[in-house]
Amino acid sequence: MTTAQAPAGRRVLRALTTGTPVYVLLAVLLAALALTDPGFYEPDRFLAFIKRAAPLVILAAGQYLVIVCGEFDLSVGAIVTAGVVVAAELYGSFPGAPWPLVTAVLLLAGALAGLVSGLITTLLRVPSFITTLGMMLILEGAVFFWTGGSPHGALPTAFRRLGRGTAFGWLPWAVLVCVVAGLLAVRLMRSDFGRTLLATGDSERAAALAGVRVALARTIAFVLSGVAAALAAVLVGGFSGVSAQAGRGYEFEAITAVVLGGVVLGGGRGSVVAAMAGAFSLQALFTLLNLQGVSGALESTVQGVIVIAAVALGAADWSRSRRRGTEPPGAKAS
């Protein structure tokens, strides 16, 4: 092994170790799905599972960027809904609009929503929980006012290709989009900016003293979260069609996935790979519950239990780490 390969191998191992519990959980859930439904791993069905999970995986990656730097983004579900509705309304007014242009408009709109949330949070010092909750309510209200609760228009086949079409006749475009978004998120977190986000979440004051532009880093994280939500809107609109409820609940599912991946609420610790694995685990869990005939109404209950348990375990682990860190040298347990 060369010296260049060794550090890379250690980084990969460190990333996997950070989220070991969620990888084990995902493996158990996938095995349970295979036992419950022997045909689950047929190529078409397994790829369909990944396609359904793709929007949540992308949202989890975006939410991770915000949470790891010490903030929250509750607006992503509303951005998904607004993106689907805006796309339908645009095509209603401009039927011949090329889909790349409409997609670019949605991504820019998502970035703008994230920028507004980021600036309000960092410059006006409004807690991100309140800021993004307000943004969520604003977007939901605007969509309802604009559509009267019943969106008009339809999304053309060309626009829906990313969400429901296939490449090479067998590979869903949504799977490719999910893979590319995941690789970009991993690359980002291995860059200087990714390390800046982690440092900011770990200690805002220490990061600022080290020369980090904390407000800028957090604002960029919000912008990227908004872009991820807009991209998820393109996929959701592709395979689900137009609905005023298209993104409802996605914000809480994304947070649940990130927490399930072992990312510490409050920032400073966690792996984006584990956060995305948390999204797959959540989708696998919901699929398993559905196959077992468990009511979908219990999904929210399951999410609540996961969030409380994961945060409690993380807090306990953090407390133990702090005690070890403050223990005087040479001290022994009684």
Foldseek 3Di string as FASTA:
>chain_A
DDPVVVVVVVVVVVQCVLQVVLVVLLVVLVVLCCVLPVCCPDQQNVLVLLLVLLLLLLLLLLQLLQQQLFAGALQLLLLLQLLQLVQQVVCVVVVPDQLVVSLVVSLVVLLVLLLVLLCCCQVVVDGSVVSNVVSNVVSLVVSCVVDVQHRDGWHDLNLLQQQPNADPRRRRNSNVVSVVSLVVSQVCLVDPLVVLSLVNLVPVVVSVVVPRPSSVSNSVSSSSSSSSSSVSSSNQCNPPIRGSSSSPPSSLLSVLLQLSSLAARSHNDGHSVSSSSSSSSLSSVLVSCVSVVHDPVCSVVVSVVSNVVSNVVSVVVVVVVVCVVPDDPPDDDD
